[in-house]
C-alpha atoms as a PDB file:
ATOM      1  CA  UNK A   1      27.322  48.066-155.805  1.00  0.00           C
ATOM      2  CA  UNK A   2      28.378  47.209-152.267  1.00  0.00           C
ATOM      3  CA  UNK A   3      26.233  48.705-149.557  1.00  0.00           C
ATOM      4  CA  UNK A   4      29.417  49.897-147.854  1.00  0.00           C
ATOM      5  CA  UNK A   5      30.598  51.641-151.012  1.00  0.00           C
ATOM      6  CA  UNK A   6      27.211  53.342-151.396  1.00  0.00           C
ATOM      7  CA  UNK A   7      27.386  54.671-147.850  1.00  0.00           C
ATOM      8  CA  UNK A   8      30.906  55.977-148.436  1.00  0.00           C
ATOM      9  CA  UNK A   9      29.732  57.795-151.514  1.00  0.00           C
ATOM     10  CA  UNK A  10      26.912  59.428-149.608  1.00  0.00           C
ATOM     11  CA  UNK A  11      29.181  60.505-146.770  1.00  0.00           C
ATOM     12  CA  UNK A  12      31.913  61.895-148.998  1.00  0.00           C
ATOM     13  CA  UNK A  13      31.574  65.652-149.429  1.00  0.00           C
ATOM     14  CA  UNK A  14      32.745  67.652-152.374  1.00  0.00           C
ATOM     15  CA  UNK A  15      32.615  64.864-155.000  1.00  0.00           C
ATOM     16  CA  UNK A  16      31.946  66.472-158.338  1.00  0.00           C
ATOM     17  CA  UNK A  17      29.376  65.128-160.752  1.00  0.00           C
ATOM     18  CA  UNK A  18      31.943  64.966-163.563  1.00  0.00           C
ATOM     19  CA  UNK A  19      33.717  62.161-161.667  1.00  0.00           C
ATOM     20  CA  UNK A  20      30.628  59.966-161.922  1.00  0.00           C
ATOM     21  CA  UNK A  21      30.919  57.827-165.047  1.00  0.00           C
ATOM     22  CA  UNK A  22      28.975  54.625-165.809  1.00  0.00           C
ATOM     23  CA  UNK A  23      27.944  54.436-162.151  1.00  0.00           C
ATOM     24  CA  UNK A  24      31.536  54.714-160.892  1.00  0.00           C
ATOM     25  CA  UNK A  25      32.777  57.521-158.673  1.00  0.00           C
ATOM     26  CA  UNK A  26      36.185  58.357-157.290  1.00  0.00           C
ATOM     27  CA  UNK A  27      35.810  59.155-153.580  1.00  0.00           C
ATOM     28  CA  UNK A  28      39.341  60.423-152.900  1.00  0.00           C
ATOM     29  CA  UNK A  29      40.731  63.941-152.866  1.00  0.00           C
ATOM     30  CA  UNK A  30      43.760  63.552-155.155  1.00  0.00           C
ATOM     31  CA  UNK A  31      43.326  65.286-158.513  1.00  0.00           C
ATOM     32  CA  UNK A  32      46.597  64.104-160.069  1.00  0.00           C
ATOM     33  CA  UNK A  33      46.383  63.456-163.819  1.00  0.00           C
ATOM     34  CA  UNK A  34      46.403  59.808-164.812  1.00  0.00           C
ATOM     35  CA  UNK A  35      49.768  58.431-165.916  1.00  0.00           C
ATOM     36  CA  UNK A  36      50.413  54.867-167.028  1.00  0.00           C
ATOM     37  CA  UNK A  37      53.871  53.382-166.741  1.00  0.00           C
ATOM     38  CA  UNK A  38      54.486  50.029-168.423  1.00  0.00           C
ATOM     39  CA  UNK A  39      57.334  47.643-167.607  1.00  0.00           C
ATOM     40  CA  UNK A  40      57.896  44.389-169.463  1.00  0.00           C
ATOM     41  CA  UNK A  41      60.711  41.928-168.877  1.00  0.00           C
ATOM     42  CA  UNK A  42      61.927  38.363-168.814  1.00  0.00           C
ATOM     43  CA  UNK A  43      65.278  36.752-168.059  1.00  0.00           C
ATOM     44  CA  UNK A  44      66.899  38.337-171.133  1.00  0.00           C
ATOM     45  CA  UNK A  45      65.009  41.489-172.078  1.00  0.00           C
ATOM     46  CA  UNK A  46      63.654  44.577-170.362  1.00  0.00           C
ATOM     47  CA  UNK A  47      61.737  47.606-171.565  1.00  0.00           C
ATOM     48  CA  UNK A  48      59.861  50.455-169.968  1.00  0.00           C
ATOM     49  CA  UNK A  49      57.681  53.162-171.458  1.00  0.00           C
ATOM     50  CA  UNK A  50      54.816  55.491-170.664  1.00  0.00           C
ATOM     51  CA  UNK A  51      51.531  54.523-172.277  1.00  0.00           C
ATOM     52  CA  UNK A  52      48.880  56.755-173.724  1.00  0.00           C
ATOM     53  CA  UNK A  53      45.382  56.571-172.313  1.00  0.00           C
ATOM     54  CA  UNK A  54      44.157  55.620-175.801  1.00  0.00           C
ATOM     55  CA  UNK A  55      46.390  52.536-176.154  1.00  0.00           C
ATOM     56  CA  UNK A  56      44.985  49.050-176.452  1.00  0.00           C
ATOM     57  CA  UNK A  57      46.549  47.654-173.309  1.00  0.00           C
ATOM     58  CA  UNK A  58      45.740  44.004-173.996  1.00  0.00           C
ATOM     59  CA  UNK A  59      47.713  44.133-177.225  1.00  0.00           C
ATOM     60  CA  UNK A  60      50.789  45.304-175.301  1.00  0.00           C
ATOM     61  CA  UNK A  61      50.761  42.381-172.874  1.00  0.00           C
ATOM     62  CA  UNK A  62      52.930  39.510-174.121  1.00  0.00           C
ATOM     63  CA  UNK A  63      52.442  35.945-172.851  1.00  0.00           C
ATOM     64  CA  UNK A  64      55.521  34.365-171.302  1.00  0.00           C
ATOM     65  CA  UNK A  65      56.831  37.718-170.064  1.00  0.00           C
ATOM     66  CA  UNK A  66      56.153  39.721-166.921  1.00  0.00           C
ATOM     67  CA  UNK A  67      53.885  42.647-167.842  1.00  0.00           C
ATOM     68  CA  UNK A  68      53.516  45.343-165.184  1.00  0.00           C
ATOM     69  CA  UNK A  69      51.220  48.289-165.829  1.00  0.00           C
ATOM     70  CA  UNK A  70      51.210  50.924-163.089  1.00  0.00           C
ATOM     71  CA  UNK A  71      48.434  53.538-163.097  1.00  0.00           C
ATOM     72  CA  UNK A  72      48.942  56.642-160.961  1.00  0.00           C
ATOM     73  CA  UNK A  73      45.952  58.933-160.537  1.00  0.00           C
ATOM     74  CA  UNK A  74      42.341  57.792-160.244  1.00  0.00           C
ATOM     75  CA  UNK A  75      40.461  60.952-161.184  1.00  0.00           C
ATOM     76  CA  UNK A  76      39.698  59.679-164.722  1.00  0.00           C
ATOM     77  CA  UNK A  77      36.970  57.198-163.789  1.00  0.00           C
ATOM     78  CA  UNK A  78      36.209  56.432-167.441  1.00  0.00           C
ATOM     79  CA  UNK A  79      39.773  55.219-168.001  1.00  0.00           C
ATOM     80  CA  UNK A  80      39.814  53.200-164.762  1.00  0.00           C
ATOM     81  CA  UNK A  81      36.519  51.643-165.783  1.00  0.00           C
ATOM     82  CA  UNK A  82      37.908  50.764-169.220  1.00  0.00           C
ATOM     83  CA  UNK A  83      40.994  49.129-167.730  1.00  0.00           C
ATOM     84  CA  UNK A  84      38.846  47.207-165.257  1.00  0.00           C
ATOM     85  CA  UNK A  85      36.572  45.922-167.982  1.00  0.00           C
ATOM     86  CA  UNK A  86      39.597  45.006-170.094  1.00  0.00           C
ATOM     87  CA  UNK A  87      40.772  42.823-167.182  1.00  0.00           C
ATOM     88  CA  UNK A  88      37.231  41.370-166.912  1.00  0.00           C
ATOM     89  CA  UNK A  89      36.749  42.737-163.421  1.00  0.00           C
ATOM     90  CA  UNK A  90      33.386  42.856-161.683  1.00  0.00           C
ATOM     91  CA  UNK A  91      31.850  46.331-161.350  1.00  0.00           C
ATOM     92  CA  UNK A  92      32.100  46.158-157.549  1.00  0.00           C
ATOM     93  CA  UNK A  93      35.835  45.508-157.795  1.00  0.00           C
ATOM     94  CA  UNK A  94      36.249  48.478-160.144  1.00  0.00           C
ATOM     95  CA  UNK A  95      34.462  50.657-157.602  1.00  0.00           C
ATOM     96  CA  UNK A  96      36.772  49.297-154.884  1.00  0.00           C
ATOM     97  CA  UNK A  97      39.721  50.687-156.862  1.00  0.00           C
ATOM     98  CA  UNK A  98      38.074  54.116-156.832  1.00  0.00           C
ATOM     99  CA  UNK A  99      36.963  54.030-153.172  1.00  0.00           C
ATOM    100  CA  UNK A 100      39.848  55.497-151.220  1.00  0.00           C
ATOM    101  CA  UNK A 101      38.244  54.698-147.847  1.00  0.00           C
ATOM    102  CA  UNK A 102      37.776  51.011-148.622  1.00  0.00           C
ATOM    103  CA  UNK A 103      39.040  48.512-146.079  1.00  0.00           C
ATOM    104  CA  UNK A 104      41.971  46.271-146.982  1.00  0.00           C
ATOM    105  CA  UNK A 105      41.025  42.971-148.604  1.00  0.00           C
ATOM    106  CA  UNK A 106      42.222  40.211-150.910  1.00  0.00           C
ATOM    107  CA  UNK A 107      39.819  38.726-153.459  1.00  0.00           C
ATOM    108  CA  UNK A 108      40.541  35.613-155.512  1.00  0.00           C
ATOM    109  CA  UNK A 109      38.921  34.682-158.819  1.00  0.00           C
ATOM    110  CA  UNK A 110      39.690  31.874-161.226  1.00  0.00           C
ATOM    111  CA  UNK A 111      41.908  34.104-163.376  1.00  0.00           C
ATOM    112  CA  UNK A 112      43.060  36.886-161.051  1.00  0.00           C
ATOM    113  CA  UNK A 113      43.868  37.923-157.478  1.00  0.00           C
ATOM    114  CA  UNK A 114      42.975  41.428-156.297  1.00  0.00           C
ATOM    115  CA  UNK A 115      44.641  43.245-153.415  1.00  0.00           C
ATOM    116  CA  UNK A 116      43.003  46.411-152.069  1.00  0.00           C
ATOM    117  CA  UNK A 117      44.994  48.190-149.378  1.00  0.00           C
ATOM    118  CA  UNK A 118      45.941  51.591-148.032  1.00  0.00           C
ATOM    119  CA  UNK A 119      49.510  52.636-147.404  1.00  0.00           C
ATOM    120  CA  UNK A 120      50.694  55.562-145.283  1.00  0.00           C
ATOM    121  CA  UNK A 121      53.525  58.060-145.067  1.00  0.00           C
ATOM    122  CA  UNK A 122      54.369  61.189-143.067  1.00  0.00           C
ATOM    123  CA  UNK A 123      54.720  64.559-144.771  1.00  0.00           C
ATOM    124  CA  UNK A 124      57.411  67.095-143.897  1.00  0.00           C
ATOM    125  CA  UNK A 125      54.856  68.678-141.555  1.00  0.00           C
ATOM    126  CA  UNK A 126      54.537  65.349-139.656  1.00  0.00           C
ATOM    127  CA  UNK A 127      51.011  64.776-140.946  1.00  0.00           C
ATOM    128  CA  UNK A 128      49.949  61.214-141.716  1.00  0.00           C
ATOM    129  CA  UNK A 129      48.806  60.822-145.327  1.00  0.00           C
ATOM    130  CA  UNK A 130      46.899  57.868-146.755  1.00  0.00           C
ATOM    131  CA  UNK A 131      47.428  56.435-150.224  1.00  0.00           C
ATOM    132  CA  UNK A 132      44.882  54.031-151.718  1.00  0.00           C
ATOM    133  CA  UNK A 133      46.476  51.108-153.579  1.00  0.00           C
ATOM    134  CA  UNK A 134      45.031  48.293-155.672  1.00  0.00           C
ATOM    135  CA  UNK A 135      47.154  45.496-157.167  1.00  0.00           C
ATOM    136  CA  UNK A 136      45.783  42.903-159.606  1.00  0.00           C
ATOM    137  CA  UNK A 137      47.683  39.697-160.302  1.00  0.00           C
ATOM    138  CA  UNK A 138      46.898  37.778-163.495  1.00  0.00           C
ATOM    139  CA  UNK A 139      48.527  34.962-165.435  1.00  0.00           C
ATOM    140  CA  UNK A 140      51.222  37.067-167.090  1.00  0.00           C
ATOM    141  CA  UNK A 141      50.556  40.523-165.712  1.00  0.00           C
ATOM    142  CA  UNK A 142      50.343  42.771-162.674  1.00  0.00           C
ATOM    143  CA  UNK A 143      48.276  45.943-162.856  1.00  0.00           C
ATOM    144  CA  UNK A 144      48.645  48.383-159.962  1.00  0.00           C
ATOM    145  CA  UNK A 145      46.681  51.543-159.160  1.00  0.00           C
ATOM    146  CA  UNK A 146      47.452  54.390-156.777  1.00  0.00           C
ATOM    147  CA  UNK A 147      45.825  57.739-156.127  1.00  0.00           C
ATOM    148  CA  UNK A 148      48.756  60.087-156.708  1.00  0.00           C
ATOM    149  CA  UNK A 149      52.075  60.331-158.528  1.00  0.00           C
ATOM    150  CA  UNK A 150      54.042  59.677-155.354  1.00  0.00           C
ATOM    151  CA  UNK A 151      56.945  57.358-156.328  1.00  0.00           C
ATOM    152  CA  UNK A 152      55.974  54.501-154.044  1.00  0.00           C
ATOM    153  CA  UNK A 153      57.423  51.775-156.281  1.00  0.00           C
ATOM    154  CA  UNK A 154      60.412  53.496-157.876  1.00  0.00           C
ATOM    155  CA  UNK A 155      62.804  51.257-155.962  1.00  0.00           C
ATOM    156  CA  UNK A 156      61.182  48.196-157.556  1.00  0.00           C
ATOM    157  CA  UNK A 157      61.429  49.716-161.040  1.00  0.00           C
ATOM    158  CA  UNK A 158      65.115  50.446-160.392  1.00  0.00           C
ATOM    159  CA  UNK A 159      65.700  46.872-159.171  1.00  0.00           C
ATOM    160  CA  UNK A 160      64.060  45.465-162.309  1.00  0.00           C
ATOM    161  CA  UNK A 161      66.028  47.797-164.565  1.00  0.00           C
ATOM    162  CA  UNK A 162      69.334  46.810-162.952  1.00  0.00           C
ATOM    163  CA  UNK A 163      68.252  43.185-162.506  1.00  0.00           C
ATOM    164  CA  UNK A 164      69.180  43.392-158.840  1.00  0.00           C
ATOM    165  CA  UNK A 165      69.340  39.915-157.251  1.00  0.00           C
ATOM    166  CA  UNK A 166      68.289  38.535-160.669  1.00  0.00           C
ATOM    167  CA  UNK A 167      64.780  39.845-160.128  1.00  0.00           C
ATOM    168  CA  UNK A 168      63.975  39.518-163.844  1.00  0.00           C
ATOM    169  CA  UNK A 169      64.406  35.746-163.695  1.00  0.00           C
ATOM    170  CA  UNK A 170      61.399  35.434-161.386  1.00  0.00           C
ATOM    171  CA  UNK A 171      57.777  34.979-162.422  1.00  0.00           C
ATOM    172  CA  UNK A 172      54.971  37.511-162.229  1.00  0.00           C
ATOM    173  CA  UNK A 173      53.776  36.388-158.783  1.00  0.00           C
ATOM    174  CA  UNK A 174      57.189  37.392-157.391  1.00  0.00           C
ATOM    175  CA  UNK A 175      56.541  40.941-158.616  1.00  0.00           C
ATOM    176  CA  UNK A 176      53.194  40.822-156.801  1.00  0.00           C
ATOM    177  CA  UNK A 177      55.035  39.958-153.579  1.00  0.00           C
ATOM    178  CA  UNK A 178      57.555  42.743-154.160  1.00  0.00           C
ATOM    179  CA  UNK A 179      54.741  45.288-154.398  1.00  0.00           C
ATOM    180  CA  UNK A 180      53.093  43.954-151.239  1.00  0.00           C
ATOM    181  CA  UNK A 181      56.429  44.000-149.442  1.00  0.00           C
ATOM    182  CA  UNK A 182      56.953  47.629-150.464  1.00  0.00           C
ATOM    183  CA  UNK A 183      53.523  48.590-149.155  1.00  0.00           C
ATOM    184  CA  UNK A 184      54.207  46.880-145.827  1.00  0.00           C
ATOM    185  CA  UNK A 185      57.586  48.600-145.682  1.00  0.00           C
ATOM    186  CA  UNK A 186      55.787  51.963-145.660  1.00  0.00           C
ATOM    187  CA  UNK A 187      53.843  50.796-142.607  1.00  0.00           C
ATOM    188  CA  UNK A 188      57.106  49.980-140.832  1.00  0.00           C
ATOM    189  CA  UNK A 189      58.525  53.417-141.676  1.00  0.00           C
ATOM    190  CA  UNK A 190      55.428  55.148-140.325  1.00  0.00           C
ATOM    191  CA  UNK A 191      55.427  53.044-137.144  1.00  0.00           C
ATOM    192  CA  UNK A 192      59.130  53.801-136.605  1.00  0.00           C
ATOM    193  CA  UNK A 193      58.384  57.540-136.920  1.00  0.00           C
ATOM    194  CA  UNK A 194      55.431  57.195-134.524  1.00  0.00           C
ATOM    195  CA  UNK A 195      57.573  55.333-131.982  1.00  0.00           C
ATOM    196  CA  UNK A 196      60.255  58.026-132.235  1.00  0.00           C
ATOM    197  CA  UNK A 197      57.678  60.745-131.583  1.00  0.00           C
ATOM    198  CA  UNK A 198      56.327  58.859-128.557  1.00  0.00           C
ATOM    199  CA  UNK A 199      59.867  58.503-127.167  1.00  0.00           C
ATOM    200  CA  UNK A 200      60.390  62.262-127.491  1.00  0.00           C
ATOM    201  CA  UNK A 201      57.136  62.917-125.666  1.00  0.00           C
ATOM    202  CA  UNK A 202      58.142  60.480-122.932  1.00  0.00           C
ATOM    203  CA  UNK A 203      61.428  62.345-122.461  1.00  0.00           C
ATOM    204  CA  UNK A 204      59.474  65.600-122.175  1.00  0.00           C
ATOM    205  CA  UNK A 205      57.341  64.169-119.385  1.00  0.00           C
ATOM    206  CA  UNK A 206      60.280  62.603-117.541  1.00  0.00           C
ATOM    207  CA  UNK A 207      62.194  65.903-117.628  1.00  0.00           C
ATOM    208  CA  UNK A 208      58.995  67.656-116.502  1.00  0.00           C
ATOM    209  CA  UNK A 209      59.089  69.977-119.485  1.00  0.00           C
ATOM    210  CA  UNK A 210      56.165  68.952-121.727  1.00  0.00           C
ATOM    211  CA  UNK A 211      55.169  71.318-124.496  1.00  0.00           C
ATOM    212  CA  UNK A 212      51.900  73.207-124.226  1.00  0.00           C
ATOM    213  CA  UNK A 213      50.392  71.199-127.100  1.00  0.00           C
ATOM    214  CA  UNK A 214      51.218  67.870-125.431  1.00  0.00           C
ATOM    215  CA  UNK A 215      47.567  66.803-125.156  1.00  0.00           C
ATOM    216  CA  UNK A 216      46.849  67.657-128.793  1.00  0.00           C
ATOM    217  CA  UNK A 217      49.892  65.675-129.942  1.00  0.00           C
ATOM    218  CA  UNK A 218      48.698  62.634-128.003  1.00  0.00           C
ATOM    219  CA  UNK A 219      45.314  62.875-129.730  1.00  0.00           C
ATOM    220  CA  UNK A 220      46.949  63.186-133.167  1.00  0.00           C
ATOM    221  CA  UNK A 221      49.135  60.132-132.494  1.00  0.00           C
ATOM    222  CA  UNK A 222      46.115  58.199-131.268  1.00  0.00           C
ATOM    223  CA  UNK A 223      44.246  59.031-134.476  1.00  0.00           C
ATOM    224  CA  UNK A 224      47.239  57.884-136.528  1.00  0.00           C
ATOM    225  CA  UNK A 225      47.330  54.638-134.565  1.00  0.00           C
ATOM    226  CA  UNK A 226      43.645  53.994-135.239  1.00  0.00           C
ATOM    227  CA  UNK A 227      44.122  54.579-138.983  1.00  0.00           C
ATOM    228  CA  UNK A 228      47.053  52.183-139.155  1.00  0.00           C
ATOM    229  CA  UNK A 229      45.308  49.463-137.188  1.00  0.00           C
ATOM    230  CA  UNK A 230      42.082  49.772-139.157  1.00  0.00           C
ATOM    231  CA  UNK A 231      43.964  49.435-142.453  1.00  0.00           C
ATOM    232  CA  UNK A 232      46.332  46.553-141.687  1.00  0.00           C
ATOM    233  CA  UNK A 233      44.197  44.304-139.468  1.00  0.00           C
ATOM    234  CA  UNK A 234      41.961  42.838-142.225  1.00  0.00           C
ATOM    235  CA  UNK A 235      45.029  41.679-144.191  1.00  0.00           C
ATOM    236  CA  UNK A 236      46.022  39.274-141.435  1.00  0.00           C
ATOM    237  CA  UNK A 237      43.012  37.044-142.082  1.00  0.00           C
ATOM    238  CA  UNK A 238      42.809  37.640-145.831  1.00  0.00           C
ATOM    239  CA  UNK A 239      46.348  36.328-146.324  1.00  0.00           C
ATOM    240  CA  UNK A 240      44.866  32.859-145.845  1.00  0.00           C
ATOM    241  CA  UNK A 241      43.287  33.245-149.276  1.00  0.00           C
ATOM    242  CA  UNK A 242      46.750  33.505-150.793  1.00  0.00           C
ATOM    243  CA  UNK A 243      47.906  30.473-148.824  1.00  0.00           C
ATOM    244  CA  UNK A 244      45.101  28.336-150.261  1.00  0.00           C
ATOM    245  CA  UNK A 245      46.053  29.673-153.717  1.00  0.00           C
ATOM    246  CA  UNK A 246      42.927  28.306-155.390  1.00  0.00           C
ATOM    247  CA  UNK A 247      43.610  29.944-158.767  1.00  0.00           C
ATOM    248  CA  UNK A 248      47.237  28.664-158.810  1.00  0.00           C
ATOM    249  CA  UNK A 249      48.601  32.068-159.824  1.00  0.00           C
ATOM    250  CA  UNK A 250      51.258  31.815-157.115  1.00  0.00           C
ATOM    251  CA  UNK A 251      53.970  29.301-157.938  1.00  0.00           C
ATOM    252  CA  UNK A 252      54.873  26.733-155.304  1.00  0.00           C
ATOM    253  CA  UNK A 253      58.486  27.893-155.174  1.00  0.00           C
ATOM    254  CA  UNK A 254      57.344  31.438-154.330  1.00  0.00           C
ATOM    255  CA  UNK A 255      55.089  30.483-151.421  1.00  0.00           C
ATOM    256  CA  UNK A 256      58.026  31.057-149.074  1.00  0.00           C
ATOM    257  CA  UNK A 257      57.744  34.804-149.789  1.00  0.00           C
ATOM    258  CA  UNK A 258      54.126  34.667-148.674  1.00  0.00           C
ATOM    259  CA  UNK A 259      55.231  33.311-145.297  1.00  0.00           C
ATOM    260  CA  UNK A 260      57.611  36.240-145.003  1.00  0.00           C
ATOM    261  CA  UNK A 261      54.786  38.680-145.795  1.00  0.00           C
ATOM    262  CA  UNK A 262      52.621  37.068-143.131  1.00  0.00           C
ATOM    263  CA  UNK A 263      55.400  37.480-140.583  1.00  0.00           C
ATOM    264  CA  UNK A 264      55.685  41.143-141.565  1.00  0.00           C
ATOM    265  CA  UNK A 265      51.972  41.725-141.127  1.00  0.00           C
ATOM    266  CA  UNK A 266      52.040  40.079-137.675  1.00  0.00           C
ATOM    267  CA  UNK A 267      55.070  42.194-136.729  1.00  0.00           C
ATOM    268  CA  UNK A 268      53.316  45.375-137.923  1.00  0.00           C
ATOM    269  CA  UNK A 269      50.201  44.576-135.880  1.00  0.00           C
ATOM    270  CA  UNK A 270      52.310  43.847-132.802  1.00  0.00           C
ATOM    271  CA  UNK A 271      54.246  47.095-133.286  1.00  0.00           C
ATOM    272  CA  UNK A 272      50.996  49.049-133.619  1.00  0.00           C
ATOM    273  CA  UNK A 273      49.729  47.511-130.374  1.00  0.00           C
ATOM    274  CA  UNK A 274      52.995  48.451-128.659  1.00  0.00           C
ATOM    275  CA  UNK A 275      52.405  52.032-129.810  1.00  0.00           C
ATOM    276  CA  UNK A 276      48.939  51.900-128.264  1.00  0.00           C
ATOM    277  CA  UNK A 277      50.345  50.673-124.959  1.00  0.00           C
ATOM    278  CA  UNK A 278      53.045  53.342-125.101  1.00  0.00           C
ATOM    279  CA  UNK A 279      50.413  56.051-125.610  1.00  0.00           C
ATOM    280  CA  UNK A 280      48.351  54.708-122.692  1.00  0.00           C
ATOM    281  CA  UNK A 281      51.424  54.644-120.447  1.00  0.00           C
ATOM    282  CA  UNK A 282      52.405  58.105-121.657  1.00  0.00           C
ATOM    283  CA  UNK A 283      48.988  59.485-120.764  1.00  0.00           C
ATOM    284  CA  UNK A 284      49.161  57.911-117.295  1.00  0.00           C
ATOM    285  CA  UNK A 285      52.649  59.342-116.815  1.00  0.00           C
ATOM    286  CA  UNK A 286      51.515  62.760-118.017  1.00  0.00           C
ATOM    287  CA  UNK A 287      48.511  62.868-115.680  1.00  0.00           C
ATOM    288  CA  UNK A 288      50.605  61.569-112.776  1.00  0.00           C
ATOM    289  CA  UNK A 289      53.180  64.272-113.417  1.00  0.00           C
ATOM    290  CA  UNK A 290      50.434  66.888-113.498  1.00  0.00           C
ATOM    291  CA  UNK A 291      49.088  65.552-110.208  1.00  0.00           C
ATOM    292  CA  UNK A 292      52.552  65.709-108.671  1.00  0.00           C
ATOM    293  CA  UNK A 293      52.957  69.275-109.875  1.00  0.00           C
ATOM    294  CA  UNK A 294      49.584  70.215-108.489  1.00  0.00           C
ATOM    295  CA  UNK A 295      50.389  68.530-105.176  1.00  0.00           C
ATOM    296  CA  UNK A 296      53.677  70.455-105.031  1.00  0.00           C
ATOM    297  CA  UNK A 297      51.864  73.743-105.665  1.00  0.00           C
ATOM    298  CA  UNK A 298      49.225  72.945-103.040  1.00  0.00           C
ATOM    299  CA  UNK A 299      51.993  72.009-100.603  1.00  0.00           C
ATOM    300  CA  UNK A 300      53.746  75.327-101.092  1.00  0.00           C
ATOM    301  CA  UNK A 301      50.502  77.240-100.738  1.00  0.00           C
ATOM    302  CA  UNK A 302      49.702  75.319 -97.562  1.00  0.00           C
ATOM    303  CA  UNK A 303      53.110  76.196 -96.074  1.00  0.00           C
ATOM    304  CA  UNK A 304      52.577  79.875 -96.853  1.00  0.00           C
ATOM    305  CA  UNK A 305      49.070  79.751 -95.378  1.00  0.00           C
ATOM    306  CA  UNK A 306      50.363  77.962 -92.268  1.00  0.00           C
ATOM    307  CA  UNK A 307      52.920  80.698 -91.711  1.00  0.00           C
ATOM    308  CA  UNK A 308      50.512  83.585 -92.219  1.00  0.00           C
ATOM    309  CA  UNK A 309      47.563  82.224 -90.220  1.00  0.00           C
ATOM    310  CA  UNK A 310      49.161  82.985 -86.798  1.00  0.00           C
ATOM    311  CA  UNK A 311      50.374  86.341 -88.138  1.00  0.00           C
ATOM    312  CA  UNK A 312      46.835  87.146 -89.181  1.00  0.00           C
ATOM    313  CA  UNK A 313      45.715  86.238 -85.661  1.00  0.00           C
ATOM    314  CA  UNK A 314      48.274  88.589 -84.074  1.00  0.00           C
ATOM    315  CA  UNK A 315      47.360  91.459 -86.394  1.00  0.00           C
ATOM    316  CA  UNK A 316      43.663  90.776 -85.814  1.00  0.00           C
ATOM    317  CA  UNK A 317      44.040  91.021 -82.037  1.00  0.00           C
ATOM    318  CA  UNK A 318      45.676  94.460 -82.187  1.00  0.00           C
ATOM    319  CA  UNK A 319      43.274  95.549 -84.850  1.00  0.00           C
ATOM    320  CA  UNK A 320      40.227  95.288 -82.547  1.00  0.00           C
ATOM    321  CA  UNK A 321      38.580  98.637 -81.806  1.00  0.00           C
ATOM    322  CA  UNK A 322      38.358  98.458 -77.993  1.00  0.00           C
ATOM    323  CA  UNK A 323      39.042 101.683 -76.120  1.00  0.00           C
ATOM    324  CA  UNK A 324      40.913 100.018 -73.269  1.00  0.00           C
ATOM    325  CA  UNK A 325      43.842  97.984 -74.653  1.00  0.00           C
ATOM    326  CA  UNK A 326      47.029  98.339 -72.537  1.00  0.00           C
ATOM    327  CA  UNK A 327      49.427  97.676 -75.400  1.00  0.00           C
ATOM    328  CA  UNK A 328      48.034 100.477 -77.549  1.00  0.00           C
ATOM    329  CA  UNK A 329      49.540 103.168 -75.349  1.00  0.00           C
ATOM    330  CA  UNK A 330      52.780 101.313 -74.658  1.00  0.00           C
ATOM    331  CA  UNK A 331      55.928 102.965 -75.987  1.00  0.00           C
ATOM    332  CA  UNK A 332      57.436  99.657 -77.306  1.00  0.00           C
ATOM    333  CA  UNK A 333      54.164  98.015 -78.360  1.00  0.00           C
ATOM    334  CA  UNK A 334      54.900  98.289 -82.107  1.00  0.00           C
ATOM    335  CA  UNK A 335      58.356  96.710 -81.744  1.00  0.00           C
ATOM    336  CA  UNK A 336      56.925  93.990 -79.519  1.00  0.00           C
ATOM    337  CA  UNK A 337      54.294  93.147 -82.152  1.00  0.00           C
ATOM    338  CA  UNK A 338      56.980  92.756 -84.840  1.00  0.00           C
ATOM    339  CA  UNK A 339      59.158  90.660 -82.539  1.00  0.00           C
ATOM    340  CA  UNK A 340      56.204  88.433 -81.709  1.00  0.00           C
ATOM    341  CA  UNK A 341      55.310  87.924 -85.376  1.00  0.00           C
ATOM    342  CA  UNK A 342      58.921  87.113 -86.323  1.00  0.00           C
ATOM    343  CA  UNK A 343      59.133  84.655 -83.440  1.00  0.00           C
ATOM    344  CA  UNK A 344      55.902  82.962 -84.566  1.00  0.00           C
ATOM    345  CA  UNK A 345      57.234  82.659 -88.147  1.00  0.00           C
ATOM    346  CA  UNK A 346      60.472  81.080 -86.907  1.00  0.00           C
ATOM    347  CA  UNK A 347      58.630  78.612 -84.659  1.00  0.00           C
ATOM    348  CA  UNK A 348      56.237  77.564 -87.463  1.00  0.00           C
ATOM    349  CA  UNK A 349      59.101  77.215 -89.982  1.00  0.00           C
ATOM    350  CA  UNK A 350      61.152  75.143 -87.509  1.00  0.00           C
ATOM    351  CA  UNK A 351      58.143  72.881 -86.888  1.00  0.00           C
ATOM    352  CA  UNK A 352      57.574  72.376 -90.652  1.00  0.00           C
ATOM    353  CA  UNK A 353      61.247  71.537 -91.217  1.00  0.00           C
ATOM    354  CA  UNK A 354      61.279  69.140 -88.265  1.00  0.00           C
ATOM    355  CA  UNK A 355      58.265  67.237 -89.648  1.00  0.00           C
ATOM    356  CA  UNK A 356      59.733  67.347 -93.185  1.00  0.00           C
ATOM    357  CA  UNK A 357      56.595  68.793 -94.719  1.00  0.00           C
ATOM    358  CA  UNK A 358      58.445  71.074 -97.117  1.00  0.00           C
END
């Protein structure tokens, strides 16, 4: 077992012992029941059905046709292990399917190509959720795994059913690219939502009306950015393995779709970096605005203090407890004191306005 996988297992809290089967453990938090959807098609025929966990999957696969088996739910480690062994996968690769925190990677063997990746989406509460995905490309089949029953690939199933753009005339590697393209599309949706949120926060700062939880929202967006970058960055280099295409599972005529996927990955990484720069600029703008507000408050307090300092002096003079003070016995002394204080206030205010300190 990979050292990394072992460390993840140790760090993961709350993993029940009943999920540990034949040395395999599911490290995610989704408890969705396992469902297996099977799609089989060629240029003329199409069929779709839900398989039982007791079926002999190899007997269902037909050479010369595209066989797509989609497994949603990873809590049944015994079943995942059985499917992995049926596909002649190494034990470490089976554990990678079950390790929801695993980094994105592409592995190539003589008879299969394995894609391990995480996709993301925002909930209605604007919380970023992660979905662990594994896609295996073989000679006549694609087997995909995901943690939950979220309909991530329903649009592809619909396209196959309706034969949109003659999708059923393409080979199995084209389906592999469609799944990858769908996963990358989720990244673009999440980045678009993140950019929209950052624009709203920028408007709040520019209008000098940021919400009280502004700092917390920046931290949440920064955490989302780190998750996205950590998940997509390894794919940029691993795509070279598909370009070399050592196991020849990708047809020459479909290599053009790989170039398009590479461009998408580069665009996603660039967009994520733009989000990072936007957050840095937003923080600078927020702190600058706070400084300006604080300077404005200090300025107002200084003006008030400047006005009242001479008044305090006048009051302090007549507040001294000397027995002989001529003004104390004067009939108009009280009125003179008020007149003097008002005159001082007017002189100080005129001086402040003249120097444009307000």
